[in-house]
Amino acid sequence: MTGKAIAIPRVENGLAVVTEWRFEPGQETGHHVHTMDYLVIPLTDGTLRVGDVETPLQTGAAYARPAGVAHNVVNAGRLPLRFIEVEFKPSRFSTVPQGDKS
């Protein structure tokens, strides 16, 4: 199957935007650029392809990326894939600028 993955909004408030992503094999997000730092929490095992690079995902093994990341995410596996994406809005409590890798 090809086409667009399903994005299900879960929470949006002054701190974060939380989205559940559901991908059938071959489905993709479409090219996009993140404007906020973000965290991904896989809900299933699977394989993502970004460009020419395939990356295995393990349920619960979260990873984080800084703002400014441009990509298209594809489910390169043979089974459905799900993850939660948490984008962090700049906060008056934050001492680290968005996109800072430290």
PDB file of N, CA and C in Angstrom:
ATOM      1  N   MET A   1       0.849  -1.179   0.000  1.00  0.00           N
ATOM      2  CA  MET A   1       0.000   0.000   0.000  1.00  0.00           C
ATOM      3  C   MET A   1       0.889   1.235   0.000  1.00  0.00           C
ATOM      4  N   THR A   2       0.481   2.251  -0.704  1.00  0.00           N
ATOM      5  CA  THR A   2       1.170   3.536  -0.663  1.00  0.00           C
ATOM      6  C   THR A   2       0.153   4.596  -0.303  1.00  0.00           C
ATOM      7  N   GLY A   3       0.590   5.806  -0.165  1.00  0.00           N
ATOM      8  CA  GLY A   3      -0.301   6.898   0.195  1.00  0.00           C
ATOM      9  C   GLY A   3       0.130   7.521   1.500  1.00  0.00           C
ATOM     10  N   LYS A   4      -0.745   8.327   2.055  1.00  0.00           N
ATOM     11  CA  LYS A   4      -0.439   9.089   3.261  1.00  0.00           C
ATOM     12  C   LYS A   4      -0.754   8.314   4.532  1.00  0.00           C
ATOM     13  N   ALA A   5       0.156   8.443   5.482  1.00  0.00           N
ATOM     14  CA  ALA A   5      -0.089   7.924   6.819  1.00  0.00           C
ATOM     15  C   ALA A   5      -1.204   8.748   7.463  1.00  0.00           C
ATOM     16  N   ILE A   6      -1.809   8.212   8.493  1.00  0.00           N
ATOM     17  CA  ILE A   6      -2.882   8.900   9.202  1.00  0.00           C
ATOM     18  C   ILE A   6      -2.304   9.589  10.429  1.00  0.00           C
ATOM     19  N   ALA A   7      -2.552  10.899  10.546  1.00  0.00           N
ATOM     20  CA  ALA A   7      -2.130  11.683  11.709  1.00  0.00           C
ATOM     21  C   ALA A   7      -3.362  11.962  12.557  1.00  0.00           C
ATOM     22  N   ILE A   8      -3.326  11.524  13.811  1.00  0.00           N
ATOM     23  CA  ILE A   8      -4.455  11.708  14.719  1.00  0.00           C
ATOM     24  C   ILE A   8      -4.032  12.672  15.832  1.00  0.00           C
ATOM     25  N   PRO A   9      -4.559  13.903  15.832  1.00  0.00           N
ATOM     26  CA  PRO A   9      -4.221  14.840  16.905  1.00  0.00           C
ATOM     27  C   PRO A   9      -4.719  14.303  18.248  1.00  0.00           C
ATOM     28  N   ARG A  10      -3.857  14.326  19.257  1.00  0.00           N
ATOM     29  CA  ARG A  10      -4.231  13.832  20.585  1.00  0.00           C
ATOM     30  C   ARG A  10      -4.298  14.949  21.617  1.00  0.00           C
ATOM     31  N   VAL A  11      -3.307  15.855  21.609  1.00  0.00           N
ATOM     32  CA  VAL A  11      -3.272  16.954  22.571  1.00  0.00           C
ATOM     33  C   VAL A  11      -2.598  18.144  21.901  1.00  0.00           C
ATOM     34  N   GLU A  12      -3.131  19.330  22.147  1.00  0.00           N
ATOM     35  CA  GLU A  12      -2.408  20.561  21.819  1.00  0.00           C
ATOM     36  C   GLU A  12      -2.723  21.561  22.906  1.00  0.00           C
ATOM     37  N   ASN A  13      -1.654  22.060  23.539  1.00  0.00           N
ATOM     38  CA  ASN A  13      -1.817  23.056  24.588  1.00  0.00           C
ATOM     39  C   ASN A  13      -0.625  24.011  24.527  1.00  0.00           C
ATOM     40  N   GLY A  14      -0.416  24.789  25.556  1.00  0.00           N
ATOM     41  CA  GLY A  14       0.666  25.758  25.564  1.00  0.00           C
ATOM     42  C   GLY A  14       2.057  25.153  25.629  1.00  0.00           C
ATOM     43  N   LEU A  15       2.146  23.864  25.930  1.00  0.00           N
ATOM     44  CA  LEU A  15       3.446  23.206  26.070  1.00  0.00           C
ATOM     45  C   LEU A  15       3.820  22.318  24.899  1.00  0.00           C
ATOM     46  N   ALA A  16       2.831  21.636  24.307  1.00  0.00           N
ATOM     47  CA  ALA A  16       3.181  20.619  23.315  1.00  0.00           C
ATOM     48  C   ALA A  16       2.039  20.356  22.340  1.00  0.00           C
ATOM     49  N   VAL A  17       2.436  19.729  21.219  1.00  0.00           N
ATOM     50  CA  VAL A  17       1.493  19.181  20.248  1.00  0.00           C
ATOM     51  C   VAL A  17       1.775  17.683  20.205  1.00  0.00           C
ATOM     52  N   VAL A  18       0.767  16.865  20.507  1.00  0.00           N
ATOM     53  CA  VAL A  18       0.929  15.415  20.536  1.00  0.00           C
ATOM     54  C   VAL A  18       0.082  14.810  19.421  1.00  0.00           C
ATOM     55  N   THR A  19       0.745  14.021  18.559  1.00  0.00           N
ATOM     56  CA  THR A  19       0.078  13.403  17.418  1.00  0.00           C
ATOM     57  C   THR A  19       0.385  11.916  17.399  1.00  0.00           C
ATOM     58  N   GLU A  20      -0.645  11.107  17.157  1.00  0.00           N
ATOM     59  CA  GLU A  20      -0.430   9.681  16.924  1.00  0.00           C
ATOM     60  C   GLU A  20      -0.368   9.479  15.417  1.00  0.00           C
ATOM     61  N   TRP A  21       0.677   8.798  14.949  1.00  0.00           N
ATOM     62  CA  TRP A  21       0.837   8.485  13.527  1.00  0.00           C
ATOM     63  C   TRP A  21       0.590   7.001  13.312  1.00  0.00           C
ATOM     64  N   ARG A  22      -0.202   6.684  12.265  1.00  0.00           N
ATOM     65  CA  ARG A  22      -0.484   5.295  11.889  1.00  0.00           C
ATOM     66  C   ARG A  22      -0.124   5.108  10.412  1.00  0.00           C
ATOM     67  N   PHE A  23       0.739   4.135  10.148  1.00  0.00           N
ATOM     68  CA  PHE A  23       1.218   3.866   8.802  1.00  0.00           C
ATOM     69  C   PHE A  23       0.944   2.413   8.421  1.00  0.00           C
ATOM     70  N   GLU A  24       0.317   2.190   7.307  1.00  0.00           N
ATOM     71  CA  GLU A  24       0.312   0.869   6.703  1.00  0.00           C
ATOM     72  C   GLU A  24       1.639   0.735   5.949  1.00  0.00           C
ATOM     73  N   PRO A  25       2.070  -0.469   5.605  1.00  0.00           N
ATOM     74  CA  PRO A  25       3.316  -0.617   4.847  1.00  0.00           C
ATOM     75  C   PRO A  25       3.295   0.254   3.589  1.00  0.00           C
ATOM     76  N   GLY A  26       4.388   0.994   3.377  1.00  0.00           N
ATOM     77  CA  GLY A  26       4.530   1.856   2.210  1.00  0.00           C
ATOM     78  C   GLY A  26       3.951   3.244   2.370  1.00  0.00           C
ATOM     79  N   GLN A  27       3.142   3.483   3.396  1.00  0.00           N
ATOM     80  CA  GLN A  27       2.577   4.819   3.575  1.00  0.00           C
ATOM     81  C   GLN A  27       3.624   5.782   4.120  1.00  0.00           C
ATOM     82  N   GLU A  28       3.418   7.070   3.871  1.00  0.00           N
ATOM     83  CA  GLU A  28       4.400   8.091   4.240  1.00  0.00           C
ATOM     84  C   GLU A  28       3.729   9.324   4.823  1.00  0.00           C
ATOM     85  N   THR A  29       4.551  10.162   5.466  1.00  0.00           N
ATOM     86  CA  THR A  29       4.038  11.406   6.038  1.00  0.00           C
ATOM     87  C   THR A  29       3.902  12.488   4.977  1.00  0.00           C
ATOM     88  N   GLY A  30       4.715  12.419   3.941  1.00  0.00           N
ATOM     89  CA  GLY A  30       4.861  13.539   3.014  1.00  0.00           C
ATOM     90  C   GLY A  30       5.997  14.416   3.518  1.00  0.00           C
ATOM     91  N   HIS A  31       6.667  15.093   2.604  1.00  0.00           N
ATOM     92  CA  HIS A  31       7.818  15.925   2.977  1.00  0.00           C
ATOM     93  C   HIS A  31       7.360  17.066   3.883  1.00  0.00           C
ATOM     94  N   HIS A  32       8.085  17.268   4.975  1.00  0.00           N
ATOM     95  CA  HIS A  32       7.760  18.329   5.911  1.00  0.00           C
ATOM     96  C   HIS A  32       8.998  18.740   6.703  1.00  0.00           C
ATOM     97  N   VAL A  33       8.914  19.899   7.350  1.00  0.00           N
ATOM     98  CA  VAL A  33       9.994  20.419   8.198  1.00  0.00           C
ATOM     99  C   VAL A  33       9.419  20.657   9.587  1.00  0.00           C
ATOM    100  N   HIS A  34      10.100  20.146  10.596  1.00  0.00           N
ATOM    101  CA  HIS A  34       9.669  20.376  11.968  1.00  0.00           C
ATOM    102  C   HIS A  34      10.096  21.769  12.417  1.00  0.00           C
ATOM    103  N   THR A  35       9.158  22.529  12.962  1.00  0.00           N
ATOM    104  CA  THR A  35       9.456  23.873  13.458  1.00  0.00           C
ATOM    105  C   THR A  35       9.685  23.891  14.965  1.00  0.00           C
ATOM    106  N   MET A  36       9.502  22.729  15.602  1.00  0.00           N
ATOM    107  CA  MET A  36       9.718  22.599  17.040  1.00  0.00           C
ATOM    108  C   MET A  36      10.560  21.351  17.312  1.00  0.00           C
ATOM    109  N   ASP A  37      11.322  21.376  18.403  1.00  0.00           N
ATOM    110  CA  ASP A  37      11.994  20.156  18.843  1.00  0.00           C
ATOM    111  C   ASP A  37      10.923  19.098  19.065  1.00  0.00           C
ATOM    112  N   TYR A  38      11.291  17.820  18.842  1.00  0.00           N
ATOM    113  CA  TYR A  38      10.272  16.785  18.985  1.00  0.00           C
ATOM    114  C   TYR A  38      10.850  15.473  19.494  1.00  0.00           C
ATOM    115  N   LEU A  39       9.938  14.654  20.021  1.00  0.00           N
ATOM    116  CA  LEU A  39      10.243  13.343  20.588  1.00  0.00           C
ATOM    117  C   LEU A  39       9.309  12.337  19.925  1.00  0.00           C
ATOM    118  N   VAL A  40       9.844  11.179  19.543  1.00  0.00           N
ATOM    119  CA  VAL A  40       9.042  10.110  18.945  1.00  0.00           C
ATOM    120  C   VAL A  40       9.081   8.899  19.864  1.00  0.00           C
ATOM    121  N   ILE A  41       7.900   8.335  20.153  1.00  0.00           N
ATOM    122  CA  ILE A  41       7.783   7.146  20.993  1.00  0.00           C
ATOM    123  C   ILE A  41       7.092   6.064  20.167  1.00  0.00           C
ATOM    124  N   PRO A  42       7.834   5.060  19.681  1.00  0.00           N
ATOM    125  CA  PRO A  42       7.215   3.986  18.898  1.00  0.00           C
ATOM    126  C   PRO A  42       6.228   3.182  19.738  1.00  0.00           C
ATOM    127  N   LEU A  43       5.059   2.903  19.164  1.00  0.00           N
ATOM    128  CA  LEU A  43       4.055   2.062  19.805  1.00  0.00           C
ATOM    129  C   LEU A  43       4.104   0.631  19.271  1.00  0.00           C
ATOM    130  N   THR A  44       4.827   0.444  18.177  1.00  0.00           N
ATOM    131  CA  THR A  44       5.020  -0.875  17.569  1.00  0.00           C
ATOM    132  C   THR A  44       6.463  -0.992  17.100  1.00  0.00           C
ATOM    133  N   ASP A  45       6.932  -2.203  16.936  1.00  0.00           N
ATOM    134  CA  ASP A  45       8.221  -2.420  16.276  1.00  0.00           C
ATOM    135  C   ASP A  45       8.011  -2.194  14.787  1.00  0.00           C
ATOM    136  N   GLY A  46       9.071  -1.798  14.090  1.00  0.00           N
ATOM    137  CA  GLY A  46       8.953  -1.601  12.652  1.00  0.00           C
ATOM    138  C   GLY A  46      10.212  -1.004  12.069  1.00  0.00           C
ATOM    139  N   THR A  47      10.124  -0.589  10.806  1.00  0.00           N
ATOM    140  CA  THR A  47      11.258   0.009  10.106  1.00  0.00           C
ATOM    141  C   THR A  47      10.790   1.274   9.396  1.00  0.00           C
ATOM    142  N   LEU A  48      11.476   2.386   9.683  1.00  0.00           N
ATOM    143  CA  LEU A  48      11.217   3.644   9.003  1.00  0.00           C
ATOM    144  C   LEU A  48      12.269   3.864   7.929  1.00  0.00           C
ATOM    145  N   ARG A  49      11.861   4.485   6.836  1.00  0.00           N
ATOM    146  CA  ARG A  49      12.829   4.923   5.823  1.00  0.00           C
ATOM    147  C   ARG A  49      12.710   6.436   5.703  1.00  0.00           C
ATOM    148  N   VAL A  50      13.852   7.100   5.836  1.00  0.00           N
ATOM    149  CA  VAL A  50      13.958   8.538   5.625  1.00  0.00           C
ATOM    150  C   VAL A  50      15.042   8.722   4.582  1.00  0.00           C
ATOM    151  N   GLY A  51      14.657   9.160   3.372  1.00  0.00           N
ATOM    152  CA  GLY A  51      15.617   9.217   2.270  1.00  0.00           C
ATOM    153  C   GLY A  51      16.029   7.804   1.906  1.00  0.00           C
ATOM    154  N   ASP A  52      17.331   7.549   1.889  1.00  0.00           N
ATOM    155  CA  ASP A  52      17.849   6.220   1.560  1.00  0.00           C
ATOM    156  C   ASP A  52      18.199   5.401   2.803  1.00  0.00           C
ATOM    157  N   VAL A  53      17.901   5.933   3.985  1.00  0.00           N
ATOM    158  CA  VAL A  53      18.307   5.292   5.237  1.00  0.00           C
ATOM    159  C   VAL A  53      17.110   4.614   5.902  1.00  0.00           C
ATOM    160  N   GLU A  54      17.251   3.315   6.184  1.00  0.00           N
ATOM    161  CA  GLU A  54      16.228   2.576   6.929  1.00  0.00           C
ATOM    162  C   GLU A  54      16.678   2.424   8.374  1.00  0.00           C
ATOM    163  N   THR A  55      15.750   2.681   9.297  1.00  0.00           N
ATOM    164  CA  THR A  55      16.053   2.635  10.726  1.00  0.00           C
ATOM    165  C   THR A  55      15.040   1.749  11.430  1.00  0.00           C
ATOM    166  N   PRO A  56      15.505   0.729  12.168  1.00  0.00           N
ATOM    167  CA  PRO A  56      14.564  -0.096  12.930  1.00  0.00           C
ATOM    168  C   PRO A  56      14.038   0.663  14.143  1.00  0.00           C
ATOM    169  N   LEU A  57      12.754   0.472  14.433  1.00  0.00           N
ATOM    170  CA  LEU A  57      12.147   1.043  15.626  1.00  0.00           C
ATOM    171  C   LEU A  57      11.755  -0.087  16.561  1.00  0.00           C
ATOM    172  N   GLN A  58      11.893   0.178  17.856  1.00  0.00           N
ATOM    173  CA  GLN A  58      11.511  -0.798  18.868  1.00  0.00           C
ATOM    174  C   GLN A  58      10.469  -0.146  19.773  1.00  0.00           C
ATOM    175  N   THR A  59       9.407  -0.864  20.055  1.00  0.00           N
ATOM    176  CA  THR A  59       8.335  -0.344  20.903  1.00  0.00           C
ATOM    177  C   THR A  59       8.916   0.274  22.175  1.00  0.00           C
ATOM    178  N   GLY A  60       8.553   1.538  22.426  1.00  0.00           N
ATOM    179  CA  GLY A  60       8.969   2.221  23.641  1.00  0.00           C
ATOM    180  C   GLY A  60      10.341   2.849  23.603  1.00  0.00           C
ATOM    181  N   ALA A  61      11.158   2.584  22.594  1.00  0.00           N
ATOM    182  CA  ALA A  61      12.516   3.139  22.507  1.00  0.00           C
ATOM    183  C   ALA A  61      12.446   4.521  21.850  1.00  0.00           C
ATOM    184  N   ALA A  62      12.243   5.533  22.667  1.00  0.00           N
ATOM    185  CA  ALA A  62      12.041   6.898  22.187  1.00  0.00           C
ATOM    186  C   ALA A  62      13.326   7.506  21.649  1.00  0.00           C
ATOM    187  N   TYR A  63      13.155   8.486  20.744  1.00  0.00           N
ATOM    188  CA  TYR A  63      14.283   9.284  20.265  1.00  0.00           C
ATOM    189  C   TYR A  63      13.813  10.718  20.068  1.00  0.00           C
ATOM    190  N   ALA A  64      14.759  11.665  20.108  1.00  0.00           N
ATOM    191  CA  ALA A  64      14.441  13.085  19.987  1.00  0.00           C
ATOM    192  C   ALA A  64      15.257  13.709  18.861  1.00  0.00           C
ATOM    193  N   ARG A  65      14.678  14.761  18.255  1.00  0.00           N
ATOM    194  CA  ARG A  65      15.339  15.493  17.180  1.00  0.00           C
ATOM    195  C   ARG A  65      15.092  16.990  17.384  1.00  0.00           C
ATOM    196  N   PRO A  66      16.026  17.827  16.914  1.00  0.00           N
ATOM    197  CA  PRO A  66      15.837  19.274  17.037  1.00  0.00           C
ATOM    198  C   PRO A  66      14.926  19.828  15.938  1.00  0.00           C
ATOM    199  N   ALA A  67      14.411  21.016  16.171  1.00  0.00           N
ATOM    200  CA  ALA A  67      13.644  21.727  15.153  1.00  0.00           C
ATOM    201  C   ALA A  67      14.510  21.917  13.915  1.00  0.00           C
ATOM    202  N   GLY A  68      13.842  22.036  12.762  1.00  0.00           N
ATOM    203  CA  GLY A  68      14.559  22.277  11.517  1.00  0.00           C
ATOM    204  C   GLY A  68      14.804  21.039  10.687  1.00  0.00           C
ATOM    205  N   VAL A  69      14.443  19.869  11.211  1.00  0.00           N
ATOM    206  CA  VAL A  69      14.650  18.618  10.490  1.00  0.00           C
ATOM    207  C   VAL A  69      13.635  18.529   9.349  1.00  0.00           C
ATOM    208  N   ALA A  70      14.146  18.375   8.119  1.00  0.00           N
ATOM    209  CA  ALA A  70      13.289  18.221   6.940  1.00  0.00           C
ATOM    210  C   ALA A  70      13.363  16.778   6.471  1.00  0.00           C
ATOM    211  N   HIS A  71      12.194  16.147   6.245  1.00  0.00           N
ATOM    212  CA  HIS A  71      12.205  14.746   5.834  1.00  0.00           C
ATOM    213  C   HIS A  71      10.825  14.274   5.395  1.00  0.00           C
ATOM    214  N   ASN A  72      10.789  13.084   4.845  1.00  0.00           N
ATOM    215  CA  ASN A  72       9.567  12.334   4.552  1.00  0.00           C
ATOM    216  C   ASN A  72       9.765  10.968   5.179  1.00  0.00           C
ATOM    217  N   VAL A  73       8.868  10.561   6.048  1.00  0.00           N
ATOM    218  CA  VAL A  73       8.992   9.287   6.757  1.00  0.00           C
ATOM    219  C   VAL A  73       8.100   8.252   6.073  1.00  0.00           C
ATOM    220  N   VAL A  74       8.683   7.078   5.770  1.00  0.00           N
ATOM    221  CA  VAL A  74       7.964   5.993   5.098  1.00  0.00           C
ATOM    222  C   VAL A  74       8.023   4.740   5.962  1.00  0.00           C
ATOM    223  N   ASN A  75       6.913   4.020   6.070  1.00  0.00           N
ATOM    224  CA  ASN A  75       6.926   2.708   6.732  1.00  0.00           C
ATOM    225  C   ASN A  75       7.534   1.726   5.745  1.00  0.00           C
ATOM    226  N   ALA A  76       8.784   1.340   5.979  1.00  0.00           N
ATOM    227  CA  ALA A  76       9.506   0.433   5.087  1.00  0.00           C
ATOM    228  C   ALA A  76       9.315  -1.030   5.473  1.00  0.00           C
ATOM    229  N   GLY A  77       8.534  -1.289   6.506  1.00  0.00           N
ATOM    230  CA  GLY A  77       8.318  -2.662   6.960  1.00  0.00           C
ATOM    231  C   GLY A  77       7.137  -3.325   6.275  1.00  0.00           C
ATOM    232  N   ARG A  78       6.860  -4.558   6.705  1.00  0.00           N
ATOM    233  CA  ARG A  78       5.753  -5.340   6.140  1.00  0.00           C
ATOM    234  C   ARG A  78       4.499  -5.318   7.004  1.00  0.00           C
ATOM    235  N   LEU A  79       4.609  -4.682   8.181  1.00  0.00           N
ATOM    236  CA  LEU A  79       3.476  -4.623   9.118  1.00  0.00           C
ATOM    237  C   LEU A  79       3.102  -3.168   9.393  1.00  0.00           C
ATOM    238  N   PRO A  80       1.880  -2.918   9.865  1.00  0.00           N
ATOM    239  CA  PRO A  80       1.504  -1.553  10.247  1.00  0.00           C
ATOM    240  C   PRO A  80       2.442  -1.016  11.323  1.00  0.00           C
ATOM    241  N   LEU A  81       2.613   0.296  11.330  1.00  0.00           N
ATOM    242  CA  LEU A  81       3.526   0.977  12.242  1.00  0.00           C
ATOM    243  C   LEU A  81       2.769   2.127  12.904  1.00  0.00           C
ATOM    244  N   ARG A  82       3.000   2.307  14.223  1.00  0.00           N
ATOM    245  CA  ARG A  82       2.381   3.411  14.957  1.00  0.00           C
ATOM    246  C   ARG A  82       3.407   4.042  15.878  1.00  0.00           C
ATOM    247  N   PHE A  83       3.336   5.376  15.991  1.00  0.00           N
ATOM    248  CA  PHE A  83       4.149   6.062  16.987  1.00  0.00           C
ATOM    249  C   PHE A  83       3.462   7.339  17.439  1.00  0.00           C
ATOM    250  N   ILE A  84       3.881   7.811  18.613  1.00  0.00           N
ATOM    251  CA  ILE A  84       3.440   9.087  19.156  1.00  0.00           C
ATOM    252  C   ILE A  84       4.558  10.090  18.916  1.00  0.00           C
ATOM    253  N   GLU A  85       4.185  11.247  18.406  1.00  0.00           N
ATOM    254  CA  GLU A  85       5.138  12.340  18.197  1.00  0.00           C
ATOM    255  C   GLU A  85       4.739  13.484  19.128  1.00  0.00           C
ATOM    256  N   VAL A  86       5.697  13.962  19.922  1.00  0.00           N
ATOM    257  CA  VAL A  86       5.469  15.072  20.834  1.00  0.00           C
ATOM    258  C   VAL A  86       6.352  16.231  20.375  1.00  0.00           C
ATOM    259  N   GLU A  87       5.725  17.308  19.906  1.00  0.00           N
ATOM    260  CA  GLU A  87       6.457  18.510  19.506  1.00  0.00           C
ATOM    261  C   GLU A  87       6.369  19.504  20.656  1.00  0.00           C
ATOM    262  N   PHE A  88       7.531  20.023  21.070  1.00  0.00           N
ATOM    263  CA  PHE A  88       7.592  20.903  22.232  1.00  0.00           C
ATOM    264  C   PHE A  88       7.535  22.362  21.821  1.00  0.00           C
ATOM    265  N   LYS A  89       6.511  23.067  22.295  1.00  0.00           N
ATOM    266  CA  LYS A  89       6.393  24.491  22.009  1.00  0.00           C
ATOM    267  C   LYS A  89       7.379  25.255  22.890  1.00  0.00           C
ATOM    268  N   PRO A  90       7.902  26.376  22.377  1.00  0.00           N
ATOM    269  CA  PRO A  90       8.768  27.194  23.242  1.00  0.00           C
ATOM    270  C   PRO A  90       7.978  27.581  24.495  1.00  0.00           C
ATOM    271  N   SER A  91       8.632  27.520  25.621  1.00  0.00           N
ATOM    272  CA  SER A  91       7.953  27.757  26.895  1.00  0.00           C
ATOM    273  C   SER A  91       8.663  28.864  27.660  1.00  0.00           C
ATOM    274  N   ARG A  92       7.906  29.604  28.430  1.00  0.00           N
ATOM    275  CA  ARG A  92       8.527  30.644  29.257  1.00  0.00           C
ATOM    276  C   ARG A  92       9.436  30.031  30.315  1.00  0.00           C
ATOM    277  N   PHE A  93       9.305  28.706  30.546  1.00  0.00           N
ATOM    278  CA  PHE A  93      10.145  28.013  31.533  1.00  0.00           C
ATOM    279  C   PHE A  93      11.416  27.462  30.909  1.00  0.00           C
ATOM    280  N   SER A  94      11.496  27.436  29.575  1.00  0.00           N
ATOM    281  CA  SER A  94      12.628  26.828  28.890  1.00  0.00           C
ATOM    282  C   SER A  94      13.859  27.719  28.975  1.00  0.00           C
ATOM    283  N   THR A  95      15.010  27.101  29.218  1.00  0.00           N
ATOM    284  CA  THR A  95      16.266  27.819  29.210  1.00  0.00           C
ATOM    285  C   THR A  95      17.120  27.427  28.009  1.00  0.00           C
ATOM    286  N   VAL A  96      16.637  26.468  27.204  1.00  0.00           N
ATOM    287  CA  VAL A  96      17.378  26.016  26.030  1.00  0.00           C
ATOM    288  C   VAL A  96      16.602  26.449  24.786  1.00  0.00           C
ATOM    289  N   PRO A  97      17.251  27.221  23.881  1.00  0.00           N
ATOM    290  CA  PRO A  97      16.544  27.647  22.673  1.00  0.00           C
ATOM    291  C   PRO A  97      16.106  26.455  21.829  1.00  0.00           C
ATOM    292  N   GLN A  98      14.962  26.580  21.115  1.00  0.00           N
ATOM    293  CA  GLN A  98      14.498  25.524  20.222  1.00  0.00           C
ATOM    294  C   GLN A  98      15.595  25.223  19.210  1.00  0.00           C
ATOM    295  N   GLY A  99      15.812  23.948  18.955  1.00  0.00           N
ATOM    296  CA  GLY A  99      16.803  23.523  17.973  1.00  0.00           C
ATOM    297  C   GLY A  99      18.192  23.335  18.553  1.00  0.00           C
ATOM    298  N   ASP A 100      18.426  23.726  19.810  1.00  0.00           N
ATOM    299  CA  ASP A 100      19.736  23.551  20.445  1.00  0.00           C
ATOM    300  C   ASP A 100      19.945  22.070  20.718  1.00  0.00           C
ATOM    301  N   LYS A 101      21.107  21.545  20.341  1.00  0.00           N
ATOM    302  CA  LYS A 101      21.377  20.104  20.477  1.00  0.00           C
ATOM    303  C   LYS A 101      21.992  19.744  21.820  1.00  0.00           C
ATOM    304  N   SER A 102      22.224  20.713  22.690  1.00  0.00           N
ATOM    305  CA  SER A 102      22.871  20.386  23.963  1.00  0.00           C
ATOM    306  C   SER A 102      21.922  19.872  25.004  1.00  0.00           C
TER     307      SER A 102
END
